[in-house]
Amino acid sequence: MIGGRGIRWFFAGLLLAGSMAPAWSARKADGKQLKLYTKPGSPDQIGYIIFESFWDPAGNCVGIRQFDTEPGFGQVAAKVAEKWEHRRPPVMRAGRPVSARMVEPLVFNLPNSSPFDPFSNPHLFVPSLVEDPQRAPDAPPAVVWAEVEVNVKGQAVGVRNAPAGQGELLLAAAKSWRFMPARDNSEPAAGVLKTPFILVSPTTGSPGEAYTGPEVLHQEPPEYSPRLREQGIGGVVVIGLWISPEGRPVAVRVQQSENKKFNKPAMEAARKCRFQPARRGGLPEWTYVELEFSFDPASRETGGRR
């Protein structure tokens, strides 16, 4: 293996590529600077997050699940969530809008796997969840490791050191993934890449599985300036936010406001909220919600509601 520290990343779907090491720069193809994310955990092994989103026929995101190869990816996912849009043009089929499921991986590769360096290890571009028919329907996702043999064409041709009885399953999955081959003196070469696999039950990827929405566990009223109340100034502020799988508000934004003087207290109140996260198939997921905060000078109470 070629030595080196730091992380390179690729976000399939958004087609962004760059460096994950804090000291390196990362840019889009158009030259715009990207925010840098630091991979938690070991910097000497690859990792990835798979975001699975669900969209209704109107183009609204009704939930996003996160599958990751190691603990500590929550902070990275929260930064990605800041860029998520909860509404997109609907998916069309036969000229009609339909419900849709989208899967987008965010991959952290080692810096010594850069496809632009003359000497490098194989590079993982697009992984996917691995459905294990032997897993119970209610079994949580599990991460296993194996060494994937990648040929000069970037194809997985073998798996080494897989957990007992799982070699064929992991090889079949790896053959459907996208790799970049290793490079030897700037020429494509065969190589081996130690790779994590996320095992899920066959029902985990089903969009039709049981769903429960989020619930508010804790909410505080926003601060209402006594001066504004005495002057009879009121208004309503609608705050949009993502609820993380841990039940915390992320990417808090003002969606509508009748008076910008109430924006800050409404956002502060929203950030203090705690939720029971939404669940799909028993797994917690990211969910977009909107909270309405009303500032009524005639009332002694202010509050918010979904």
Protein backbone atom coordinates (compact mmCIF):
# COMPACT_ATOMS: atom_id res chain seq x y z
CA MET A 1 0.00 0.00 0.00
CA ILE A 2 1.16 3.53 -0.72
CA GLY A 3 1.54 5.67 2.42
CA GLY A 4 -0.21 8.95 3.10
CA ARG A 5 -2.78 10.63 5.32
CA GLY A 6 -5.88 12.69 4.69
CA ILE A 7 -9.09 11.97 2.81
CA ARG A 8 -10.39 12.46 -0.71
CA TRP A 9 -14.13 12.49 -1.31
CA PHE A 10 -16.72 11.98 -4.01
CA PHE A 11 -20.45 12.71 -3.74
CA ALA A 12 -22.35 10.74 -6.38
CA GLY A 13 -25.45 12.54 -7.54
CA LEU A 14 -23.98 15.98 -6.88
CA LEU A 15 -20.82 14.98 -8.78
CA LEU A 16 -18.46 16.92 -6.55
CA ALA A 17 -14.85 15.91 -6.13
CA GLY A 18 -12.00 17.23 -4.08
CA SER A 19 -9.91 16.83 -0.96
CA MET A 20 -11.13 15.99 2.51
CA ALA A 21 -7.85 16.78 4.29
CA PRO A 22 -8.13 20.00 6.34
CA ALA A 23 -4.97 21.44 4.78
CA TRP A 24 -6.02 20.85 1.18
CA SER A 25 -8.36 22.89 -1.00
CA ALA A 26 -11.47 21.47 -2.63
CA ARG A 27 -13.16 22.99 -5.65
CA LYS A 28 -16.01 22.24 -7.98
CA ALA A 29 -15.37 21.81 -11.68
CA ASP A 30 -16.36 25.46 -12.18
CA GLY A 31 -13.63 26.54 -9.74
CA LYS A 32 -15.90 27.52 -6.86
CA GLN A 33 -14.53 26.76 -3.42
CA LEU A 34 -16.20 23.95 -1.47
CA LYS A 35 -16.50 23.72 2.30
CA LEU A 36 -14.07 21.14 3.68
CA TYR A 37 -15.26 18.21 5.75
CA THR A 38 -12.93 16.28 8.03
CA LYS A 39 -13.50 12.55 8.16
CA PRO A 40 -13.86 11.30 11.76
CA GLY A 41 -12.29 8.06 12.85
CA SER A 42 -9.20 6.56 11.27
CA PRO A 43 -7.66 8.67 8.47
CA ASP A 44 -5.95 5.54 7.10
CA GLN A 45 -9.05 3.73 5.88
CA ILE A 46 -11.82 4.66 3.49
CA GLY A 47 -15.41 5.23 4.57
CA TYR A 48 -18.69 6.45 3.19
CA ILE A 49 -22.19 7.64 3.99
CA ILE A 50 -25.18 6.57 1.91
CA PHE A 51 -28.12 8.98 1.93
CA GLU A 52 -31.43 7.42 0.93
CA SER A 53 -34.16 9.99 0.26
CA PHE A 54 -37.88 9.59 -0.37
CA TRP A 55 -39.88 12.06 -2.52
CA ASP A 56 -43.63 12.44 -3.02
CA PRO A 57 -45.27 13.12 -6.42
CA ALA A 58 -45.23 16.87 -5.72
CA GLY A 59 -41.42 16.87 -5.45
CA ASN A 60 -41.30 17.23 -1.64
CA CYS A 61 -38.71 15.30 0.35
CA VAL A 62 -40.57 13.27 2.96
CA GLY A 63 -37.52 11.70 4.58
CA ILE A 64 -33.80 10.96 4.31
CA ARG A 65 -32.09 7.97 5.91
CA GLN A 66 -28.38 7.85 6.60
CA PHE A 67 -26.25 4.70 6.52
CA ASP A 68 -22.56 5.07 7.42
CA THR A 69 -19.53 2.85 7.75
CA GLU A 70 -18.29 4.18 11.07
CA PRO A 71 -19.51 6.20 14.06
CA GLY A 72 -18.94 9.92 14.07
CA PHE A 73 -20.33 10.75 10.63
CA GLY A 74 -23.21 12.72 12.16
CA GLN A 75 -21.29 16.01 12.02
CA VAL A 76 -20.42 15.47 8.35
CA ALA A 77 -24.01 14.57 7.54
CA ALA A 78 -25.21 17.73 9.30
CA LYS A 79 -22.95 19.84 7.09
CA VAL A 80 -24.32 18.10 4.02
CA ALA A 81 -27.85 18.71 5.33
CA GLU A 82 -27.21 22.44 5.21
CA LYS A 83 -27.20 22.09 1.41
CA TRP A 84 -30.22 19.84 1.12
CA GLU A 85 -33.29 21.22 -0.58
CA HIS A 86 -36.59 19.85 0.68
CA ARG A 87 -38.25 20.42 -2.68
CA ARG A 88 -37.18 19.45 -6.22
CA PRO A 89 -38.91 19.05 -9.59
CA PRO A 90 -40.98 15.85 -9.32
CA VAL A 91 -39.84 12.61 -10.90
CA MET A 92 -41.89 11.92 -14.01
CA ARG A 93 -42.91 8.54 -15.44
CA ALA A 94 -45.02 8.26 -18.59
CA GLY A 95 -45.67 11.98 -18.33
CA ARG A 96 -47.01 11.80 -14.77
CA PRO A 97 -45.36 12.71 -11.43
CA VAL A 98 -44.61 9.71 -9.21
CA SER A 99 -43.12 8.95 -5.80
CA ALA A 100 -39.39 8.30 -5.91
CA ARG A 101 -36.46 6.94 -3.90
CA MET A 102 -32.98 8.38 -4.45
CA VAL A 103 -29.68 6.98 -3.18
CA GLU A 104 -26.59 9.23 -3.00
CA PRO A 105 -23.26 8.10 -1.50
CA LEU A 106 -20.62 10.40 -0.05
CA VAL A 107 -17.27 8.57 -0.21
CA PHE A 108 -14.10 9.34 1.77
CA ASN A 109 -11.15 7.91 -0.16
CA LEU A 110 -7.51 7.95 0.90
CA PRO A 111 -5.33 10.65 -0.68
CA ASN A 112 -3.06 7.93 -2.10
CA SER A 113 -5.95 6.77 -4.29
CA SER A 114 -6.19 9.94 -6.38
CA PRO A 115 -6.88 9.07 -10.04
CA PHE A 116 -4.65 12.01 -11.01
CA ASP A 117 -1.46 10.83 -9.28
CA PRO A 118 1.11 8.71 -11.18
CA PHE A 119 1.19 6.09 -8.39
CA SER A 120 -2.01 5.35 -6.50
CA ASN A 121 -4.26 2.70 -5.01
CA PRO A 122 -7.71 1.85 -6.37
CA HIS A 123 -10.37 4.55 -5.82
CA LEU A 124 -13.97 3.83 -4.79
CA PHE A 125 -16.53 6.03 -6.56
CA VAL A 126 -20.02 4.64 -6.01
CA PRO A 127 -20.84 2.02 -3.35
CA SER A 128 -24.32 0.82 -2.40
CA LEU A 129 -26.12 -0.98 0.41
CA VAL A 130 -25.73 -4.76 0.42
CA GLU A 131 -28.96 -6.69 0.97
CA ASP A 132 -28.19 -9.84 2.96
CA PRO A 133 -30.98 -12.44 2.60
CA GLN A 134 -29.82 -14.09 5.84
CA ARG A 135 -30.47 -10.99 7.96
CA ALA A 136 -33.67 -10.76 10.00
CA PRO A 137 -36.17 -8.09 8.85
CA ASP A 138 -35.69 -6.09 12.06
CA ALA A 139 -31.89 -6.45 12.20
CA PRO A 140 -30.02 -3.11 12.24
CA PRO A 141 -27.44 -2.39 9.53
CA ALA A 142 -23.99 -3.89 10.10
CA VAL A 143 -20.58 -2.99 8.67
CA VAL A 144 -18.13 -5.69 7.56
CA TRP A 145 -14.74 -5.36 5.87
CA ALA A 146 -13.04 -7.19 3.04
CA GLU A 147 -10.22 -6.61 0.56
CA VAL A 148 -11.53 -6.02 -2.95
CA GLU A 149 -9.36 -6.97 -5.94
CA VAL A 150 -9.76 -4.34 -8.69
CA ASN A 151 -8.44 -5.00 -12.22
CA VAL A 152 -6.98 -2.52 -14.71
CA LYS A 153 -10.48 -1.70 -15.99
CA GLY A 154 -11.72 -0.68 -12.53
CA GLN A 155 -13.80 -3.85 -12.11
CA ALA A 156 -14.03 -5.85 -8.90
CA VAL A 157 -12.83 -9.38 -9.73
CA GLY A 158 -12.27 -10.90 -6.29
CA VAL A 159 -12.69 -10.49 -2.54
CA ARG A 160 -10.17 -11.48 0.14
CA ASN A 161 -10.50 -11.90 3.91
CA ALA A 162 -14.28 -11.58 3.91
CA PRO A 163 -16.25 -12.70 6.99
CA ALA A 164 -17.02 -16.42 6.94
CA GLY A 165 -19.77 -17.31 4.48
CA GLN A 166 -20.07 -13.80 3.01
CA GLY A 167 -17.43 -13.80 0.29
CA GLU A 168 -19.84 -14.45 -2.60
CA LEU A 169 -22.35 -11.89 -1.31
CA LEU A 170 -19.70 -9.16 -1.00
CA LEU A 171 -18.14 -9.95 -4.39
CA ALA A 172 -21.54 -9.76 -6.10
CA ALA A 173 -22.09 -6.36 -4.49
CA ALA A 174 -18.60 -5.06 -5.35
CA LYS A 175 -19.07 -6.05 -9.00
CA SER A 176 -21.96 -3.59 -9.22
CA TRP A 177 -19.93 -0.73 -7.67
CA ARG A 178 -17.80 1.80 -9.52
CA PHE A 179 -14.03 1.84 -8.95
CA MET A 180 -11.07 3.62 -10.51
CA PRO A 181 -8.10 1.25 -11.00
CA ALA A 182 -4.77 1.72 -9.29
CA ARG A 183 -2.06 3.59 -11.20
CA ASP A 184 1.55 2.58 -11.73
CA ASN A 185 3.71 5.22 -13.40
CA SER A 186 0.49 6.89 -14.67
CA GLU A 187 -0.75 3.64 -16.23
CA PRO A 188 -3.84 1.70 -15.04
CA ALA A 189 -2.87 -1.21 -12.81
CA ALA A 190 -4.53 -3.92 -10.76
CA GLY A 191 -4.72 -3.34 -7.03
CA VAL A 192 -6.40 -4.27 -3.77
CA LEU A 193 -8.57 -1.94 -1.68
CA LYS A 194 -9.66 -2.68 1.89
CA THR A 195 -13.34 -1.76 1.74
CA PRO A 196 -16.28 -1.55 4.16
CA PHE A 197 -19.69 -3.01 3.22
CA ILE A 198 -22.99 -2.00 4.87
CA LEU A 199 -25.22 -5.06 5.25
CA VAL A 200 -28.98 -4.52 5.51
CA SER A 201 -32.00 -6.83 5.54
CA PRO A 202 -33.83 -7.24 2.20
CA THR A 203 -36.72 -5.10 3.49
CA THR A 204 -34.58 -2.12 4.54
CA GLY A 205 -34.58 -0.57 1.08
CA SER A 206 -38.32 -0.81 0.54
CA PRO A 207 -40.03 2.62 0.22
CA GLY A 208 -43.32 1.11 1.36
CA GLU A 209 -42.18 -0.04 4.79
CA ALA A 210 -43.78 1.17 8.05
CA TYR A 211 -43.31 4.88 8.70
CA THR A 212 -43.87 7.03 11.79
CA GLY A 213 -43.45 10.81 11.68
CA PRO A 214 -41.41 12.95 14.07
CA GLU A 215 -42.77 14.23 17.37
CA VAL A 216 -41.84 17.30 19.42
CA LEU A 217 -40.34 16.28 22.79
CA HIS A 218 -39.23 19.71 24.01
CA GLN A 219 -40.10 23.21 22.83
CA GLU A 220 -39.58 26.60 24.44
CA PRO A 221 -41.50 29.77 23.53
CA PRO A 222 -39.47 32.36 21.60
CA GLU A 223 -38.34 35.52 23.36
CA TYR A 224 -40.81 38.39 22.77
CA SER A 225 -39.37 41.86 23.22
CA PRO A 226 -41.43 43.76 25.86
CA ARG A 227 -40.99 46.94 23.83
CA LEU A 228 -42.45 45.37 20.67
CA ARG A 229 -45.30 43.84 22.67
CA GLU A 230 -46.15 47.20 24.29
CA GLN A 231 -46.12 48.86 20.87
CA GLY A 232 -48.59 46.27 19.61
CA ILE A 233 -46.13 44.88 17.07
CA GLY A 234 -46.63 41.21 16.26
CA GLY A 235 -46.24 38.73 13.45
CA VAL A 236 -45.73 35.14 12.40
CA VAL A 237 -42.43 33.51 11.45
CA VAL A 238 -42.21 30.12 9.72
CA ILE A 239 -38.96 28.25 10.33
CA GLY A 240 -37.84 25.32 8.17
CA LEU A 241 -35.38 22.77 9.53
CA TRP A 242 -34.15 19.21 9.19
CA ILE A 243 -34.58 16.84 12.14
CA SER A 244 -31.52 14.59 12.43
CA PRO A 245 -31.73 10.87 13.29
CA GLU A 246 -30.73 11.94 16.82
CA GLY A 247 -33.74 14.29 17.04
CA ARG A 248 -31.82 17.57 16.80
CA PRO A 249 -32.66 20.52 14.52
CA VAL A 250 -30.20 21.11 11.67
CA ALA A 251 -30.00 23.71 8.88
CA VAL A 252 -32.48 26.06 10.57
CA ARG A 253 -33.77 28.70 8.13
CA VAL A 254 -36.47 31.35 7.94
CA GLN A 255 -39.00 30.30 5.30
CA GLN A 256 -41.56 33.09 5.77
CA SER A 257 -41.67 36.13 8.02
CA GLU A 258 -44.19 38.90 8.62
CA ASN A 259 -41.64 40.93 10.57
CA LYS A 260 -37.88 40.36 10.39
CA LYS A 261 -37.50 41.61 13.98
CA PHE A 262 -38.88 38.26 15.10
CA ASN A 263 -36.60 36.14 12.89
CA LYS A 264 -33.75 35.80 15.40
CA PRO A 265 -35.86 34.79 18.44
CA ALA A 266 -37.84 32.34 16.29
CA MET A 267 -34.65 30.71 14.99
CA GLU A 268 -33.18 30.53 18.50
CA ALA A 269 -36.36 28.87 19.79
CA ALA A 270 -36.30 26.39 16.90
CA ARG A 271 -32.69 25.43 17.66
CA LYS A 272 -33.68 24.61 21.26
CA CYS A 273 -36.34 22.12 20.14
CA ARG A 274 -35.79 18.41 20.60
CA PHE A 275 -37.67 15.75 18.66
CA GLN A 276 -38.46 12.08 18.47
CA PRO A 277 -37.08 11.42 14.97
CA ALA A 278 -39.15 9.95 12.18
CA ARG A 279 -38.66 6.23 11.57
CA ARG A 280 -39.01 4.14 8.45
CA GLY A 281 -38.82 0.39 8.84
CA GLY A 282 -37.70 0.94 12.44
CA LEU A 283 -34.69 3.07 11.41
CA PRO A 284 -34.46 6.78 12.34
CA GLU A 285 -34.20 9.17 9.41
CA TRP A 286 -33.70 12.82 8.53
CA THR A 287 -36.99 14.71 8.10
CA TYR A 288 -37.79 18.22 6.93
CA VAL A 289 -40.44 20.10 8.95
CA GLU A 290 -41.67 23.67 9.26
CA LEU A 291 -42.50 25.31 12.59
CA GLU A 292 -44.73 28.36 12.89
CA PHE A 293 -43.97 30.87 15.66
CA SER A 294 -46.65 33.43 16.44
CA PHE A 295 -45.92 36.72 18.20
CA ASP A 296 -49.29 38.11 19.35
CA PRO A 297 -49.21 41.32 21.41
CA ALA A 298 -52.71 40.58 22.73
CA SER A 299 -51.61 37.24 24.18
CA ARG A 300 -49.36 36.59 27.14
CA GLU A 301 -47.96 33.53 25.38
CA THR A 302 -45.92 32.97 22.26
CA GLY A 303 -45.37 29.59 20.78
CA GLY A 304 -44.74 27.46 17.77
CA ARG A 305 -46.55 24.68 16.02
CA ARG A 306 -45.95 22.40 13.07
